[in-house]
Amino acid sequence: MANITFKGNAVTLLGNEVKVGDQAPAFTVLATDLSEVTLADSNGKVRLISVIPSIDTGVCEQQTRKFNEEASKISNAEVITISADLPFAQKRWCAGEGLENVKIYSDHRNMSFGDAYGVHMKELRLLARSVFVLDSEGKVTYVEYVSEGTNHPDYEKAIEAAKSAK
């Protein structure tokens, strides 16, 4: 399992670590309108899944913006941002930032994504900062578990992985 710290303190990750070459685990999260969204809803597309602890922090906000700006230039790719924030907070943030097309989903209800991808921080009930790229057939082609939750992911490597995925 990945070793992660959050603000310098070690955290316990629940769930199964995902590795390159794995078939992406299924999950169910909530959209900002409280409708259920599953991994299967985006089948046939390359997916860059950007995982953040909370949209109400500077690093998480920057990560969400950066991936959405960069990946929008990749044909057949979809950026999905997932956090354990309540859908209401996510909706408020998107409206406040004037972002209408960001696909941001909440794992708050069941931690389905967090447990399936091994990013559920037990002590905080938040998701650990991480990035996953899936090809159009749902195979994992890139994984980054960011070792310190307040650090940025490697944007360039993740974008390149999304560009290379088919």
C-alpha atoms as a PDB file:
ATOM      1  CA  MET A   1       0.000   0.000   0.000  1.00  0.00           C
ATOM      2  CA  ALA A   2       1.174   3.537  -0.730  1.00  0.00           C
ATOM      3  CA  ASN A   3       2.640   5.490   2.190  1.00  0.00           C
ATOM      4  CA  ILE A   4       0.864   8.833   2.479  1.00  0.00           C
ATOM      5  CA  THR A   5       1.117  11.744   4.863  1.00  0.00           C
ATOM      6  CA  PHE A   6      -1.281  14.613   5.288  1.00  0.00           C
ATOM      7  CA  LYS A   7       0.214  17.800   6.752  1.00  0.00           C
ATOM      8  CA  GLY A   8       3.195  15.685   7.776  1.00  0.00           C
ATOM      9  CA  ASN A   9       1.171  13.066   9.664  1.00  0.00           C
ATOM     10  CA  ALA A  10       0.989   9.471   8.455  1.00  0.00           C
ATOM     11  CA  VAL A  11      -2.472   8.313   7.441  1.00  0.00           C
ATOM     12  CA  THR A  12      -3.966   4.875   6.935  1.00  0.00           C
ATOM     13  CA  LEU A  13      -5.315   4.225   3.457  1.00  0.00           C
ATOM     14  CA  LEU A  14      -8.308   1.909   3.281  1.00  0.00           C
ATOM     15  CA  GLY A  15      -9.095  -0.167   0.236  1.00  0.00           C
ATOM     16  CA  ASN A  16      -7.001  -1.736  -2.472  1.00  0.00           C
ATOM     17  CA  GLU A  17      -4.041  -0.068  -4.134  1.00  0.00           C
ATOM     18  CA  VAL A  18      -4.539   0.216  -7.890  1.00  0.00           C
ATOM     19  CA  LYS A  19      -1.604  -0.453 -10.213  1.00  0.00           C
ATOM     20  CA  VAL A  20      -0.834   0.180 -13.872  1.00  0.00           C
ATOM     21  CA  GLY A  21      -2.214  -2.707 -15.904  1.00  0.00           C
ATOM     22  CA  ASP A  22      -5.153  -3.354 -13.567  1.00  0.00           C
ATOM     23  CA  GLN A  23      -8.695  -3.241 -14.836  1.00  0.00           C
ATOM     24  CA  ALA A  24     -10.180  -0.120 -13.255  1.00  0.00           C
ATOM     25  CA  PRO A  25     -12.407  -0.978 -10.296  1.00  0.00           C
ATOM     26  CA  ALA A  26     -16.077  -0.010 -10.539  1.00  0.00           C
ATOM     27  CA  PHE A  27     -17.415   2.731  -8.263  1.00  0.00           C
ATOM     28  CA  THR A  28     -20.524   4.829  -7.646  1.00  0.00           C
ATOM     29  CA  VAL A  29     -20.319   8.507  -6.667  1.00  0.00           C
ATOM     30  CA  LEU A  30     -22.763  11.424  -6.596  1.00  0.00           C
ATOM     31  CA  ALA A  31     -23.040  14.331  -9.019  1.00  0.00           C
ATOM     32  CA  THR A  32     -23.817  17.813  -7.727  1.00  0.00           C
ATOM     33  CA  ASP A  33     -27.525  17.163  -8.437  1.00  0.00           C
ATOM     34  CA  LEU A  34     -27.326  14.047  -6.197  1.00  0.00           C
ATOM     35  CA  SER A  35     -27.702  11.641  -9.132  1.00  0.00           C
ATOM     36  CA  GLU A  36     -25.531   8.531  -9.088  1.00  0.00           C
ATOM     37  CA  VAL A  37     -22.565   8.338 -11.461  1.00  0.00           C
ATOM     38  CA  THR A  38     -20.587   5.172 -12.159  1.00  0.00           C
ATOM     39  CA  LEU A  39     -17.344   4.427 -13.947  1.00  0.00           C
ATOM     40  CA  ALA A  40     -19.377   2.706 -16.666  1.00  0.00           C
ATOM     41  CA  ASP A  41     -21.082   6.031 -17.481  1.00  0.00           C
ATOM     42  CA  SER A  42     -17.897   7.141 -19.251  1.00  0.00           C
ATOM     43  CA  ASN A  43     -17.011   3.873 -20.987  1.00  0.00           C
ATOM     44  CA  GLY A  44     -15.324   4.289 -24.356  1.00  0.00           C
ATOM     45  CA  LYS A  45     -13.401   7.399 -23.298  1.00  0.00           C
ATOM     46  CA  VAL A  46      -9.953   7.947 -21.870  1.00  0.00           C
ATOM     47  CA  ARG A  47     -10.458   9.060 -18.270  1.00  0.00           C
ATOM     48  CA  LEU A  48      -8.157  11.193 -16.168  1.00  0.00           C
ATOM     49  CA  ILE A  49      -9.432  10.833 -12.614  1.00  0.00           C
ATOM     50  CA  SER A  50      -8.158  13.632 -10.418  1.00  0.00           C
ATOM     51  CA  VAL A  51      -8.652  12.858  -6.726  1.00  0.00           C
ATOM     52  CA  ILE A  52      -8.542  15.658  -4.162  1.00  0.00           C
ATOM     53  CA  PRO A  53      -9.079  15.897  -0.390  1.00  0.00           C
ATOM     54  CA  SER A  54     -11.372  18.979  -0.593  1.00  0.00           C
ATOM     55  CA  ILE A  55     -12.283  21.474  -3.293  1.00  0.00           C
ATOM     56  CA  ASP A  56     -12.153  24.219  -0.644  1.00  0.00           C
ATOM     57  CA  THR A  57      -8.347  24.243  -0.502  1.00  0.00           C
ATOM     58  CA  GLY A  58      -5.873  26.062  -2.722  1.00  0.00           C
ATOM     59  CA  VAL A  59      -3.947  23.029  -3.996  1.00  0.00           C
ATOM     60  CA  CYS A  60      -7.172  21.119  -4.747  1.00  0.00           C
ATOM     61  CA  GLU A  61      -8.634  24.096  -6.588  1.00  0.00           C
ATOM     62  CA  GLN A  62      -5.447  24.492  -8.648  1.00  0.00           C
ATOM     63  CA  GLN A  63      -5.356  20.774  -9.438  1.00  0.00           C
ATOM     64  CA  THR A  64      -8.987  20.806 -10.589  1.00  0.00           C
ATOM     65  CA  ARG A  65      -8.440  23.839 -12.831  1.00  0.00           C
ATOM     66  CA  LYS A  66      -5.140  22.614 -14.289  1.00  0.00           C
ATOM     67  CA  PHE A  67      -6.391  19.185 -15.289  1.00  0.00           C
ATOM     68  CA  ASN A  68      -9.618  20.553 -16.728  1.00  0.00           C
ATOM     69  CA  GLU A  69      -7.766  23.179 -18.794  1.00  0.00           C
ATOM     70  CA  GLU A  70      -5.109  20.793 -20.095  1.00  0.00           C
ATOM     71  CA  ALA A  71      -7.158  17.670 -20.659  1.00  0.00           C
ATOM     72  CA  SER A  72      -9.880  19.544 -22.527  1.00  0.00           C
ATOM     73  CA  LYS A  73      -7.345  19.691 -25.378  1.00  0.00           C
ATOM     74  CA  ILE A  74      -7.150  15.875 -25.606  1.00  0.00           C
ATOM     75  CA  SER A  75      -9.635  14.260 -27.955  1.00  0.00           C
ATOM     76  CA  ASN A  76     -11.787  11.474 -26.498  1.00  0.00           C
ATOM     77  CA  ALA A  77     -10.637  12.273 -22.950  1.00  0.00           C
ATOM     78  CA  GLU A  78     -12.739  13.139 -19.942  1.00  0.00           C
ATOM     79  CA  VAL A  79     -11.506  14.661 -16.698  1.00  0.00           C
ATOM     80  CA  ILE A  80     -13.292  13.481 -13.584  1.00  0.00           C
ATOM     81  CA  THR A  81     -12.591  15.118 -10.230  1.00  0.00           C
ATOM     82  CA  ILE A  82     -13.588  13.186  -7.113  1.00  0.00           C
ATOM     83  CA  SER A  83     -13.513  14.289  -3.480  1.00  0.00           C
ATOM     84  CA  ALA A  84     -15.367  13.433  -0.276  1.00  0.00           C
ATOM     85  CA  ASP A  85     -16.891  16.925  -0.177  1.00  0.00           C
ATOM     86  CA  LEU A  86     -20.651  17.121  -0.051  1.00  0.00           C
ATOM     87  CA  PRO A  87     -22.212  17.600  -3.510  1.00  0.00           C
ATOM     88  CA  PHE A  88     -23.647  20.936  -2.298  1.00  0.00           C
ATOM     89  CA  ALA A  89     -20.157  22.297  -1.570  1.00  0.00           C
ATOM     90  CA  GLN A  90     -18.922  21.109  -4.956  1.00  0.00           C
ATOM     91  CA  LYS A  91     -21.859  22.777  -6.710  1.00  0.00           C
ATOM     92  CA  ARG A  92     -21.266  26.024  -4.794  1.00  0.00           C
ATOM     93  CA  TRP A  93     -17.581  26.006  -5.740  1.00  0.00           C
ATOM     94  CA  CYS A  94     -18.298  25.403  -9.442  1.00  0.00           C
ATOM     95  CA  ALA A  95     -20.896  28.191  -9.492  1.00  0.00           C
ATOM     96  CA  GLY A  96     -18.571  30.568  -7.629  1.00  0.00           C
ATOM     97  CA  GLU A  97     -15.769  29.886 -10.097  1.00  0.00           C
ATOM     98  CA  GLY A  98     -18.048  30.147 -13.132  1.00  0.00           C
ATOM     99  CA  LEU A  99     -17.215  26.590 -14.173  1.00  0.00           C
ATOM    100  CA  GLU A 100     -20.138  24.765 -15.708  1.00  0.00           C
ATOM    101  CA  ASN A 101     -18.510  21.822 -17.477  1.00  0.00           C
ATOM    102  CA  VAL A 102     -16.337  20.447 -14.695  1.00  0.00           C
ATOM    103  CA  LYS A 103     -17.237  16.861 -13.855  1.00  0.00           C
ATOM    104  CA  ILE A 104     -16.832  16.876 -10.091  1.00  0.00           C
ATOM    105  CA  TYR A 105     -18.279  14.068  -8.035  1.00  0.00           C
ATOM    106  CA  SER A 106     -18.722  13.306  -4.352  1.00  0.00           C
ATOM    107  CA  ASP A 107     -17.630  10.080  -2.683  1.00  0.00           C
ATOM    108  CA  HIS A 108     -19.032  11.256   0.649  1.00  0.00           C
ATOM    109  CA  ARG A 109     -21.995   8.881   0.845  1.00  0.00           C
ATOM    110  CA  ASN A 110     -20.303   5.469   0.610  1.00  0.00           C
ATOM    111  CA  MET A 111     -16.586   6.066  -0.023  1.00  0.00           C
ATOM    112  CA  SER A 112     -17.087   3.675  -2.947  1.00  0.00           C
ATOM    113  CA  PHE A 113     -14.311   5.233  -5.020  1.00  0.00           C
ATOM    114  CA  GLY A 114     -11.945   5.715  -2.077  1.00  0.00           C
ATOM    115  CA  ASP A 115     -12.192   2.091  -1.005  1.00  0.00           C
ATOM    116  CA  ALA A 116     -12.007   0.711  -4.565  1.00  0.00           C
ATOM    117  CA  TYR A 117      -8.872   2.752  -5.404  1.00  0.00           C
ATOM    118  CA  GLY A 118      -7.160   2.655  -1.996  1.00  0.00           C
ATOM    119  CA  VAL A 119      -7.348   6.394  -1.335  1.00  0.00           C
ATOM    120  CA  HIS A 120      -9.784   6.535   1.611  1.00  0.00           C
ATOM    121  CA  MET A 121      -7.857   8.186   4.471  1.00  0.00           C
ATOM    122  CA  LYS A 122      -9.245   6.438   7.548  1.00  0.00           C
ATOM    123  CA  GLU A 123      -8.295   9.119  10.085  1.00  0.00           C
ATOM    124  CA  LEU A 124      -9.814  12.009   8.114  1.00  0.00           C
ATOM    125  CA  ARG A 125     -12.586  10.379   6.023  1.00  0.00           C
ATOM    126  CA  LEU A 126     -11.166  12.255   3.054  1.00  0.00           C
ATOM    127  CA  LEU A 127      -9.623  11.023  -0.176  1.00  0.00           C
ATOM    128  CA  ALA A 128      -5.850  11.065  -0.600  1.00  0.00           C
ATOM    129  CA  ARG A 129      -4.551  13.226  -3.446  1.00  0.00           C
ATOM    130  CA  SER A 130      -3.963  10.971  -6.417  1.00  0.00           C
ATOM    131  CA  VAL A 131      -4.343  10.672 -10.188  1.00  0.00           C
ATOM    132  CA  PHE A 132      -5.457   7.735 -12.300  1.00  0.00           C
ATOM    133  CA  VAL A 133      -5.551   7.515 -16.087  1.00  0.00           C
ATOM    134  CA  LEU A 134      -7.725   4.844 -17.685  1.00  0.00           C
ATOM    135  CA  ASP A 135      -7.775   3.946 -21.346  1.00  0.00           C
ATOM    136  CA  SER A 136     -11.037   3.696 -23.283  1.00  0.00           C
ATOM    137  CA  GLU A 137     -11.362   0.028 -22.290  1.00  0.00           C
ATOM    138  CA  GLY A 138     -10.992   0.745 -18.574  1.00  0.00           C
ATOM    139  CA  LYS A 139      -7.397  -0.413 -18.151  1.00  0.00           C
ATOM    140  CA  VAL A 140      -5.272   1.633 -15.737  1.00  0.00           C
ATOM    141  CA  THR A 141      -2.382   3.225 -17.653  1.00  0.00           C
ATOM    142  CA  TYR A 142      -1.089   5.701 -15.046  1.00  0.00           C
ATOM    143  CA  VAL A 143      -1.225   5.939 -11.244  1.00  0.00           C
ATOM    144  CA  GLU A 144       0.127   8.541  -8.861  1.00  0.00           C
ATOM    145  CA  TYR A 145      -0.499   8.422  -5.133  1.00  0.00           C
ATOM    146  CA  VAL A 146       0.892  11.809  -4.019  1.00  0.00           C
ATOM    147  CA  SER A 147       3.072  11.067  -0.984  1.00  0.00           C
ATOM    148  CA  GLU A 148       2.136  14.264   0.908  1.00  0.00           C
ATOM    149  CA  GLY A 149      -1.508  15.298   0.699  1.00  0.00           C
ATOM    150  CA  THR A 150      -0.718  19.011   0.545  1.00  0.00           C
ATOM    151  CA  ASN A 151       1.634  18.637  -2.462  1.00  0.00           C
ATOM    152  CA  HIS A 152       0.699  18.885  -6.128  1.00  0.00           C
ATOM    153  CA  PRO A 153       0.618  15.831  -8.386  1.00  0.00           C
ATOM    154  CA  ASP A 154       2.920  15.560 -11.401  1.00  0.00           C
ATOM    155  CA  TYR A 155       0.630  17.330 -13.883  1.00  0.00           C
ATOM    156  CA  GLU A 156       2.871  16.821 -16.892  1.00  0.00           C
ATOM    157  CA  LYS A 157       3.223  13.050 -16.456  1.00  0.00           C
ATOM    158  CA  ALA A 158      -0.523  12.616 -15.946  1.00  0.00           C
ATOM    159  CA  ILE A 159      -1.399  14.735 -19.013  1.00  0.00           C
ATOM    160  CA  GLU A 160       1.136  12.831 -21.129  1.00  0.00           C
ATOM    161  CA  ALA A 161      -0.347   9.544 -19.917  1.00  0.00           C
ATOM    162  CA  ALA A 162      -3.835  10.733 -20.911  1.00  0.00           C
ATOM    163  CA  LYS A 163      -2.558  11.827 -24.332  1.00  0.00           C
ATOM    164  CA  SER A 164      -0.909   8.420 -24.849  1.00  0.00           C
ATOM    165  CA  ALA A 165      -3.897   6.346 -23.744  1.00  0.00           C
ATOM    166  CA  LYS A 166      -6.196   5.008 -26.422  1.00  0.00           C
END
